Amino acid sequence: MQAHKLNRSCHAPRAQRGASLLEVMIAVLIMGIGLLGIAAMQTTALRNNQSSMERSQAVIQAYSILEAMRANREEAVNGGYDMALTCAPPAGASLVNKDQQRWISDMQDNLTLGAGACGAISCPANSACTITVQWDDSRATGLEGQGINTESISVTTLI
């Protein structure tokens, strides 16, 4: 009878120590999913930041041509600066044409708005002038290069 009791005590189940391989794998999976979520949020934040910067640059460019128009007020109030929405700098050697060329070129060359940046100026006689800047904001939606998301801002003011 004594031998039987000893045999039983040798095979008694022990309390588990440590983590099993399955538990470790599940913990790593959950942590990996969390890190992917953080990376996706960071990417979205960067895209939105880029879009915000482009919008700010567009406003700066609109005010840039407005200041040129205020410096040459006589031409501005007589409609000399008027131009339809265009992406190509206008030809000509007059001060108005030089201002418009510099404005369109600055939007396309020196800024993040890119080659797709366009501008329009409407200044009816003795009325409020409206400056419109249009650009491709598809980077904000993740559809870069497809030209799907065109944004524009308009600034209206008295000269």
N, C-alpha and C. Protein backbone atom coordinates (compact mmCIF):
# COMPACT_ATOMS: atom_id res chain seq x y z
N MET A 1 0.80 -1.18 0.00
CA MET A 1 0.00 0.00 0.00
C MET A 1 0.86 1.26 0.00
N GLN A 2 1.94 1.22 0.69
CA GLN A 2 2.86 2.36 0.73
C GLN A 2 3.43 2.67 -0.65
N ALA A 3 3.75 1.68 -1.42
CA ALA A 3 4.34 1.88 -2.74
C ALA A 3 3.35 2.58 -3.67
N HIS A 4 2.10 2.24 -3.51
CA HIS A 4 1.06 2.83 -4.35
C HIS A 4 0.92 4.34 -4.08
N LYS A 5 1.00 4.77 -2.82
CA LYS A 5 0.91 6.19 -2.47
C LYS A 5 2.10 6.97 -3.02
N LEU A 6 3.25 6.42 -2.97
CA LEU A 6 4.43 7.11 -3.49
C LEU A 6 4.32 7.32 -5.00
N ASN A 7 3.79 6.31 -5.66
CA ASN A 7 3.64 6.38 -7.11
C ASN A 7 2.68 7.49 -7.50
N ARG A 8 1.64 7.67 -6.74
CA ARG A 8 0.66 8.71 -7.01
C ARG A 8 1.24 10.11 -6.81
N SER A 9 2.00 10.30 -5.77
CA SER A 9 2.56 11.61 -5.48
C SER A 9 3.60 12.03 -6.52
N CYS A 10 4.22 11.11 -7.19
CA CYS A 10 5.21 11.44 -8.22
C CYS A 10 4.55 12.00 -9.47
N HIS A 11 3.33 11.61 -9.72
CA HIS A 11 2.64 12.05 -10.93
C HIS A 11 1.59 13.13 -10.67
N ALA A 12 1.64 13.78 -9.56
CA ALA A 12 0.67 14.83 -9.24
C ALA A 12 0.91 16.03 -10.16
N PRO A 13 -0.17 16.65 -10.67
CA PRO A 13 -0.01 17.81 -11.58
C PRO A 13 0.59 19.00 -10.84
N ARG A 14 1.47 19.70 -11.53
CA ARG A 14 2.10 20.87 -10.94
C ARG A 14 1.35 22.13 -11.39
N ALA A 15 1.53 23.19 -10.68
CA ALA A 15 0.95 24.48 -11.08
C ALA A 15 1.76 25.02 -12.27
N GLN A 16 1.06 25.63 -13.23
CA GLN A 16 1.72 26.14 -14.43
C GLN A 16 2.58 27.35 -14.08
N ARG A 17 3.78 27.40 -14.67
CA ARG A 17 4.68 28.54 -14.48
C ARG A 17 5.01 29.13 -15.84
N GLY A 18 4.98 30.49 -15.97
CA GLY A 18 5.33 31.14 -17.22
C GLY A 18 4.16 31.18 -18.18
N ALA A 19 4.42 31.68 -19.39
CA ALA A 19 3.39 31.81 -20.42
C ALA A 19 3.62 30.78 -21.51
N SER A 20 2.54 30.31 -22.07
CA SER A 20 2.67 29.34 -23.16
C SER A 20 3.01 30.07 -24.45
N LEU A 21 3.47 29.35 -25.43
CA LEU A 21 3.84 29.93 -26.71
C LEU A 21 2.63 30.57 -27.38
N LEU A 22 1.47 29.99 -27.25
CA LEU A 22 0.25 30.53 -27.84
C LEU A 22 -0.09 31.90 -27.24
N GLU A 23 0.03 32.04 -25.94
CA GLU A 23 -0.25 33.32 -25.30
C GLU A 23 0.71 34.41 -25.77
N VAL A 24 1.97 34.06 -25.94
CA VAL A 24 2.96 35.02 -26.42
C VAL A 24 2.64 35.43 -27.85
N MET A 25 2.26 34.49 -28.70
CA MET A 25 1.94 34.80 -30.09
C MET A 25 0.72 35.72 -30.18
N ILE A 26 -0.28 35.50 -29.36
CA ILE A 26 -1.47 36.35 -29.36
C ILE A 26 -1.11 37.76 -28.89
N ALA A 27 -0.27 37.86 -27.87
CA ALA A 27 0.15 39.18 -27.39
C ALA A 27 0.93 39.94 -28.47
N VAL A 28 1.80 39.25 -29.19
CA VAL A 28 2.57 39.89 -30.27
C VAL A 28 1.63 40.32 -31.39
N LEU A 29 0.63 39.52 -31.72
CA LEU A 29 -0.34 39.86 -32.76
C LEU A 29 -1.12 41.12 -32.38
N ILE A 30 -1.59 41.20 -31.16
CA ILE A 30 -2.35 42.36 -30.71
C ILE A 30 -1.47 43.61 -30.73
N MET A 31 -0.24 43.47 -30.29
CA MET A 31 0.67 44.61 -30.30
C MET A 31 0.98 45.05 -31.74
N GLY A 32 1.13 44.11 -32.64
CA GLY A 32 1.39 44.43 -34.05
C GLY A 32 0.23 45.18 -34.68
N ILE A 33 -0.99 44.76 -34.39
CA ILE A 33 -2.18 45.45 -34.91
C ILE A 33 -2.24 46.88 -34.36
N GLY A 34 -1.92 47.05 -33.11
CA GLY A 34 -1.89 48.39 -32.51
C GLY A 34 -0.85 49.28 -33.16
N LEU A 35 0.33 48.75 -33.43
CA LEU A 35 1.38 49.54 -34.08
C LEU A 35 1.00 49.90 -35.51
N LEU A 36 0.33 49.00 -36.22
CA LEU A 36 -0.14 49.32 -37.57
C LEU A 36 -1.18 50.45 -37.53
N GLY A 37 -2.04 50.43 -36.53
CA GLY A 37 -3.02 51.50 -36.37
C GLY A 37 -2.36 52.85 -36.11
N ILE A 38 -1.33 52.85 -35.29
CA ILE A 38 -0.59 54.08 -35.02
C ILE A 38 0.08 54.59 -36.29
N ALA A 39 0.66 53.70 -37.08
CA ALA A 39 1.31 54.10 -38.33
C ALA A 39 0.29 54.68 -39.31
N ALA A 40 -0.90 54.09 -39.38
CA ALA A 40 -1.94 54.60 -40.27
C ALA A 40 -2.40 55.99 -39.83
N MET A 41 -2.53 56.20 -38.53
CA MET A 41 -2.92 57.53 -38.04
C MET A 41 -1.85 58.57 -38.37
N GLN A 42 -0.59 58.18 -38.25
CA GLN A 42 0.50 59.11 -38.56
C GLN A 42 0.49 59.48 -40.04
N THR A 43 0.25 58.51 -40.91
CA THR A 43 0.19 58.77 -42.35
C THR A 43 -0.96 59.72 -42.68
N THR A 44 -2.10 59.51 -42.08
CA THR A 44 -3.25 60.39 -42.31
C THR A 44 -2.96 61.80 -41.81
N ALA A 45 -2.32 61.91 -40.67
CA ALA A 45 -1.98 63.23 -40.13
C ALA A 45 -1.02 63.97 -41.07
N LEU A 46 -0.05 63.26 -41.63
CA LEU A 46 0.89 63.89 -42.55
C LEU A 46 0.20 64.36 -43.83
N ARG A 47 -0.72 63.54 -44.35
CA ARG A 47 -1.45 63.94 -45.56
C ARG A 47 -2.29 65.19 -45.29
N ASN A 48 -2.98 65.21 -44.16
CA ASN A 48 -3.81 66.37 -43.82
C ASN A 48 -2.97 67.61 -43.58
N ASN A 49 -1.79 67.43 -43.01
CA ASN A 49 -0.88 68.55 -42.80
C ASN A 49 -0.43 69.12 -44.15
N GLN A 50 -0.13 68.27 -45.10
CA GLN A 50 0.26 68.71 -46.45
C GLN A 50 -0.87 69.51 -47.10
N SER A 51 -2.09 69.00 -46.98
CA SER A 51 -3.24 69.69 -47.56
C SER A 51 -3.44 71.06 -46.92
N SER A 52 -3.27 71.14 -45.63
CA SER A 52 -3.40 72.41 -44.92
C SER A 52 -2.34 73.40 -45.37
N MET A 53 -1.12 72.92 -45.57
CA MET A 53 -0.05 73.80 -46.03
C MET A 53 -0.35 74.32 -47.43
N GLU A 54 -0.87 73.46 -48.30
CA GLU A 54 -1.20 73.89 -49.66
C GLU A 54 -2.30 74.96 -49.65
N ARG A 55 -3.28 74.79 -48.79
CA ARG A 55 -4.35 75.78 -48.68
C ARG A 55 -3.78 77.12 -48.19
N SER A 56 -2.89 77.08 -47.23
CA SER A 56 -2.25 78.31 -46.74
C SER A 56 -1.44 78.97 -47.85
N GLN A 57 -0.71 78.18 -48.62
CA GLN A 57 0.08 78.72 -49.73
C GLN A 57 -0.82 79.37 -50.78
N ALA A 58 -1.97 78.76 -51.03
CA ALA A 58 -2.92 79.33 -52.00
C ALA A 58 -3.43 80.69 -51.53
N VAL A 59 -3.73 80.80 -50.25
CA VAL A 59 -4.19 82.09 -49.71
C VAL A 59 -3.08 83.14 -49.82
N ILE A 60 -1.86 82.74 -49.51
CA ILE A 60 -0.72 83.66 -49.63
C ILE A 60 -0.58 84.14 -51.07
N GLN A 61 -0.73 83.23 -52.03
CA GLN A 61 -0.61 83.61 -53.43
C GLN A 61 -1.74 84.54 -53.87
N ALA A 62 -2.94 84.30 -53.37
CA ALA A 62 -4.06 85.19 -53.70
C ALA A 62 -3.78 86.60 -53.20
N TYR A 63 -3.27 86.72 -51.98
CA TYR A 63 -2.96 88.04 -51.45
C TYR A 63 -1.75 88.66 -52.14
N SER A 64 -0.87 87.83 -52.68
CA SER A 64 0.28 88.34 -53.42
C SER A 64 -0.15 89.13 -54.65
N ILE A 65 -1.06 88.57 -55.44
CA ILE A 65 -1.52 89.29 -56.64
C ILE A 65 -2.39 90.48 -56.24
N LEU A 66 -3.11 90.37 -55.13
CA LEU A 66 -3.90 91.52 -54.67
C LEU A 66 -3.00 92.71 -54.33
N GLU A 67 -1.87 92.43 -53.71
CA GLU A 67 -0.94 93.52 -53.39
C GLU A 67 -0.37 94.14 -54.66
N ALA A 68 -0.08 93.32 -55.66
CA ALA A 68 0.40 93.87 -56.94
C ALA A 68 -0.69 94.72 -57.58
N MET A 69 -1.94 94.29 -57.46
CA MET A 69 -3.05 95.06 -58.03
C MET A 69 -3.24 96.38 -57.28
N ARG A 70 -3.06 96.37 -55.97
CA ARG A 70 -3.18 97.61 -55.20
C ARG A 70 -2.06 98.58 -55.55
N ALA A 71 -0.90 98.05 -55.89
CA ALA A 71 0.22 98.90 -56.30
C ALA A 71 -0.04 99.53 -57.67
N ASN A 72 -0.86 98.89 -58.48
CA ASN A 72 -1.20 99.38 -59.82
C ASN A 72 -2.73 99.54 -59.89
N ARG A 73 -3.27 100.32 -58.96
CA ARG A 73 -4.71 100.42 -58.76
C ARG A 73 -5.47 100.87 -60.01
N GLU A 74 -4.94 101.80 -60.74
CA GLU A 74 -5.65 102.32 -61.91
C GLU A 74 -5.95 101.20 -62.91
N GLU A 75 -4.98 100.35 -63.18
CA GLU A 75 -5.21 99.23 -64.10
C GLU A 75 -6.19 98.22 -63.50
N ALA A 76 -6.08 97.99 -62.19
CA ALA A 76 -6.94 97.00 -61.54
C ALA A 76 -8.41 97.40 -61.59
N VAL A 77 -8.73 98.65 -61.27
CA VAL A 77 -10.14 99.07 -61.26
C VAL A 77 -10.70 99.19 -62.66
N ASN A 78 -9.85 99.32 -63.66
CA ASN A 78 -10.31 99.37 -65.05
C ASN A 78 -10.35 97.99 -65.71
N GLY A 79 -10.12 96.94 -64.93
CA GLY A 79 -10.22 95.57 -65.46
C GLY A 79 -8.98 95.09 -66.17
N GLY A 80 -7.87 95.78 -66.02
CA GLY A 80 -6.63 95.38 -66.69
C GLY A 80 -6.06 94.06 -66.21
N TYR A 81 -6.37 93.67 -64.97
CA TYR A 81 -5.85 92.43 -64.41
C TYR A 81 -6.78 91.24 -64.65
N ASP A 82 -7.97 91.49 -65.17
CA ASP A 82 -8.94 90.40 -65.36
C ASP A 82 -8.37 89.29 -66.24
N MET A 83 -8.57 88.07 -65.81
CA MET A 83 -8.18 86.91 -66.61
C MET A 83 -9.01 85.71 -66.17
N ALA A 84 -9.39 84.89 -67.14
CA ALA A 84 -10.14 83.67 -66.84
C ALA A 84 -9.20 82.67 -66.17
N LEU A 85 -9.77 81.62 -65.62
CA LEU A 85 -8.97 80.59 -64.96
C LEU A 85 -7.97 80.02 -65.96
N THR A 86 -6.71 80.16 -65.65
CA THR A 86 -5.66 79.68 -66.54
C THR A 86 -4.49 79.13 -65.74
N CYS A 87 -3.83 78.15 -66.34
CA CYS A 87 -2.63 77.57 -65.73
C CYS A 87 -1.37 78.03 -66.44
N ALA A 88 -1.55 78.74 -67.55
CA ALA A 88 -0.41 79.21 -68.35
C ALA A 88 -0.19 80.69 -68.10
N PRO A 89 1.03 81.08 -67.79
CA PRO A 89 1.30 82.51 -67.62
C PRO A 89 1.01 83.27 -68.91
N PRO A 90 0.32 84.41 -68.83
CA PRO A 90 0.00 85.16 -70.04
C PRO A 90 1.25 85.79 -70.66
N ALA A 91 1.19 86.00 -71.95
CA ALA A 91 2.31 86.64 -72.66
C ALA A 91 2.15 88.15 -72.59
N GLY A 92 3.22 88.85 -72.78
CA GLY A 92 3.16 90.31 -72.81
C GLY A 92 4.25 90.92 -71.97
N ALA A 93 4.52 92.19 -72.22
CA ALA A 93 5.60 92.88 -71.53
C ALA A 93 5.12 94.01 -70.64
N SER A 94 3.81 94.21 -70.56
CA SER A 94 3.30 95.29 -69.71
C SER A 94 3.44 94.91 -68.24
N LEU A 95 3.30 95.89 -67.37
CA LEU A 95 3.40 95.64 -65.93
C LEU A 95 2.34 94.65 -65.47
N VAL A 96 1.13 94.77 -66.00
CA VAL A 96 0.04 93.85 -65.65
C VAL A 96 0.41 92.43 -66.05
N ASN A 97 0.89 92.26 -67.28
CA ASN A 97 1.26 90.92 -67.74
C ASN A 97 2.42 90.35 -66.92
N LYS A 98 3.37 91.19 -66.57
CA LYS A 98 4.51 90.73 -65.75
C LYS A 98 4.02 90.29 -64.36
N ASP A 99 3.09 91.06 -63.78
CA ASP A 99 2.52 90.67 -62.48
C ASP A 99 1.80 89.33 -62.58
N GLN A 100 1.01 89.15 -63.63
CA GLN A 100 0.27 87.90 -63.81
C GLN A 100 1.22 86.73 -64.08
N GLN A 101 2.25 86.95 -64.89
CA GLN A 101 3.24 85.90 -65.17
C GLN A 101 3.94 85.48 -63.89
N ARG A 102 4.36 86.46 -63.11
CA ARG A 102 5.06 86.16 -61.85
C ARG A 102 4.14 85.41 -60.89
N TRP A 103 2.87 85.81 -60.85
CA TRP A 103 1.90 85.17 -59.96
C TRP A 103 1.69 83.71 -60.32
N ILE A 104 1.41 83.43 -61.59
CA ILE A 104 1.18 82.05 -62.03
C ILE A 104 2.46 81.22 -61.86
N SER A 105 3.60 81.80 -62.24
CA SER A 105 4.87 81.07 -62.11
C SER A 105 5.19 80.76 -60.66
N ASP A 106 4.96 81.71 -59.76
CA ASP A 106 5.21 81.46 -58.33
C ASP A 106 4.33 80.34 -57.80
N MET A 107 3.09 80.32 -58.22
CA MET A 107 2.19 79.24 -57.76
C MET A 107 2.69 77.88 -58.21
N GLN A 108 3.18 77.80 -59.42
CA GLN A 108 3.56 76.51 -59.99
C GLN A 108 4.98 76.09 -59.65
N ASP A 109 5.90 77.03 -59.59
CA ASP A 109 7.31 76.67 -59.43
C ASP A 109 7.80 76.66 -57.99
N ASN A 110 7.45 77.65 -57.24
CA ASN A 110 8.05 77.84 -55.93
C ASN A 110 7.27 77.24 -54.78
N LEU A 111 6.13 76.69 -55.04
CA LEU A 111 5.28 76.22 -53.95
C LEU A 111 4.94 74.75 -54.11
N THR A 112 4.25 74.24 -53.14
CA THR A 112 3.82 72.84 -53.19
C THR A 112 2.57 72.65 -54.03
N LEU A 113 2.02 73.73 -54.56
CA LEU A 113 0.79 73.61 -55.34
C LEU A 113 1.03 72.87 -56.65
N GLY A 114 2.23 72.95 -57.19
CA GLY A 114 2.60 72.18 -58.37
C GLY A 114 2.18 72.79 -59.68
N ALA A 115 2.47 72.06 -60.75
CA ALA A 115 2.23 72.55 -62.11
C ALA A 115 0.74 72.68 -62.41
N GLY A 116 -0.12 72.03 -61.64
CA GLY A 116 -1.55 72.10 -61.87
C GLY A 116 -2.21 73.31 -61.24
N ALA A 117 -1.42 74.19 -60.64
CA ALA A 117 -1.99 75.38 -59.99
C ALA A 117 -2.42 76.38 -61.05
N CYS A 118 -3.63 76.89 -60.90
CA CYS A 118 -4.20 77.84 -61.86
C CYS A 118 -4.76 79.04 -61.10
N GLY A 119 -4.96 80.13 -61.82
CA GLY A 119 -5.50 81.31 -61.18
C GLY A 119 -6.46 82.06 -62.07
N ALA A 120 -7.37 82.79 -61.44
CA ALA A 120 -8.32 83.64 -62.16
C ALA A 120 -8.47 84.95 -61.40
N ILE A 121 -8.69 86.02 -62.15
CA ILE A 121 -8.89 87.34 -61.56
C ILE A 121 -10.12 87.96 -62.21
N SER A 122 -11.04 88.42 -61.37
CA SER A 122 -12.22 89.11 -61.87
C SER A 122 -12.37 90.39 -61.06
N CYS A 123 -12.29 91.50 -61.76
CA CYS A 123 -12.33 92.79 -61.08
C CYS A 123 -13.24 93.74 -61.86
N PRO A 124 -14.56 93.62 -61.71
CA PRO A 124 -15.48 94.52 -62.41
C PRO A 124 -15.23 95.97 -62.00
N ALA A 125 -15.52 96.88 -62.89
CA ALA A 125 -15.26 98.30 -62.65
C ALA A 125 -15.90 98.78 -61.35
N ASN A 126 -15.10 99.43 -60.51
CA ASN A 126 -15.56 100.00 -59.24
C ASN A 126 -16.32 99.01 -58.38
N SER A 127 -15.85 97.78 -58.35
CA SER A 127 -16.52 96.75 -57.57
C SER A 127 -15.46 95.92 -56.85
N ALA A 128 -15.92 94.93 -56.13
CA ALA A 128 -15.01 94.05 -55.42
C ALA A 128 -14.31 93.11 -56.41
N CYS A 129 -13.02 92.92 -56.19
CA CYS A 129 -12.22 92.01 -57.04
C CYS A 129 -12.19 90.64 -56.39
N THR A 130 -12.28 89.62 -57.23
CA THR A 130 -12.23 88.24 -56.75
C THR A 130 -11.03 87.54 -57.37
N ILE A 131 -10.20 86.97 -56.50
CA ILE A 131 -9.03 86.21 -56.92
C ILE A 131 -9.31 84.75 -56.60
N THR A 132 -9.13 83.87 -57.57
CA THR A 132 -9.35 82.44 -57.37
C THR A 132 -8.05 81.70 -57.65
N VAL A 133 -7.68 80.81 -56.74
CA VAL A 133 -6.52 79.93 -56.92
C VAL A 133 -7.03 78.50 -56.87
N GLN A 134 -6.66 77.71 -57.85
CA GLN A 134 -7.10 76.31 -57.94
C GLN A 134 -5.87 75.42 -58.05
N TRP A 135 -5.91 74.26 -57.38
CA TRP A 135 -4.79 73.32 -57.41
C TRP A 135 -5.29 71.91 -57.19
N ASP A 136 -4.41 70.95 -57.47
CA ASP A 136 -4.72 69.53 -57.31
C ASP A 136 -4.38 69.12 -55.88
N ASP A 137 -5.38 68.76 -55.10
CA ASP A 137 -5.19 68.37 -53.70
C ASP A 137 -5.41 66.87 -53.52
N SER A 138 -5.09 66.09 -54.54
CA SER A 138 -5.35 64.65 -54.47
C SER A 138 -4.42 63.95 -53.48
N ARG A 139 -3.32 64.57 -53.08
CA ARG A 139 -2.44 63.95 -52.08
C ARG A 139 -3.17 63.80 -50.75
N ALA A 140 -4.09 64.70 -50.47
CA ALA A 140 -4.84 64.63 -49.21
C ALA A 140 -5.76 63.42 -49.17
N THR A 141 -6.22 62.96 -50.33
CA THR A 141 -7.13 61.82 -50.37
C THR A 141 -6.40 60.53 -50.69
N GLY A 142 -5.09 60.61 -50.93
CA GLY A 142 -4.32 59.42 -51.26
C GLY A 142 -4.42 59.02 -52.71
N LEU A 143 -4.98 59.88 -53.56
CA LEU A 143 -5.13 59.59 -54.99
C LEU A 143 -4.16 60.46 -55.79
N GLU A 144 -2.93 60.55 -55.33
CA GLU A 144 -1.94 61.43 -55.93
C GLU A 144 -1.71 61.12 -57.40
N GLY A 145 -1.62 62.19 -58.19
CA GLY A 145 -1.32 62.06 -59.61
C GLY A 145 -2.53 61.79 -60.48
N GLN A 146 -3.70 61.60 -59.87
CA GLN A 146 -4.89 61.30 -60.66
C GLN A 146 -5.73 62.54 -60.93
N GLY A 147 -5.41 63.65 -60.28
CA GLY A 147 -6.11 64.90 -60.53
C GLY A 147 -7.58 64.87 -60.19
N ILE A 148 -7.96 64.02 -59.26
CA ILE A 148 -9.38 63.83 -58.95
C ILE A 148 -9.90 64.88 -57.98
N ASN A 149 -9.07 65.32 -57.06
CA ASN A 149 -9.53 66.20 -55.99
C ASN A 149 -8.99 67.61 -56.20
N THR A 150 -9.70 68.41 -56.98
CA THR A 150 -9.29 69.78 -57.25
C THR A 150 -9.88 70.69 -56.18
N GLU A 151 -9.02 71.46 -55.55
CA GLU A 151 -9.44 72.42 -54.53
C GLU A 151 -9.28 73.83 -55.07
N SER A 152 -10.04 74.75 -54.53
CA SER A 152 -9.86 76.15 -54.90
C SER A 152 -10.24 77.04 -53.73
N ILE A 153 -9.62 78.20 -53.70
CA ILE A 153 -9.99 79.23 -52.73
C ILE A 153 -10.27 80.50 -53.51
N SER A 154 -11.14 81.31 -52.98
CA SER A 154 -11.43 82.60 -53.59
C SER A 154 -11.35 83.68 -52.52
N VAL A 155 -10.72 84.77 -52.88
CA VAL A 155 -10.61 85.92 -51.99
C VAL A 155 -11.26 87.10 -52.70
N THR A 156 -12.19 87.75 -52.03
CA THR A 156 -12.87 88.91 -52.60
C THR A 156 -12.57 90.13 -51.73
N THR A 157 -12.17 91.21 -52.37
CA THR A 157 -11.83 92.42 -51.63
C THR A 157 -12.00 93.65 -52.52
N LEU A 158 -12.05 94.79 -51.88
CA LEU A 158 -12.06 96.07 -52.61
C LEU A 158 -10.62 96.51 -52.81
N ILE A 159 -10.34 97.04 -53.98
CA ILE A 159 -8.99 97.52 -54.28
C ILE A 159 -8.88 98.98 -53.87
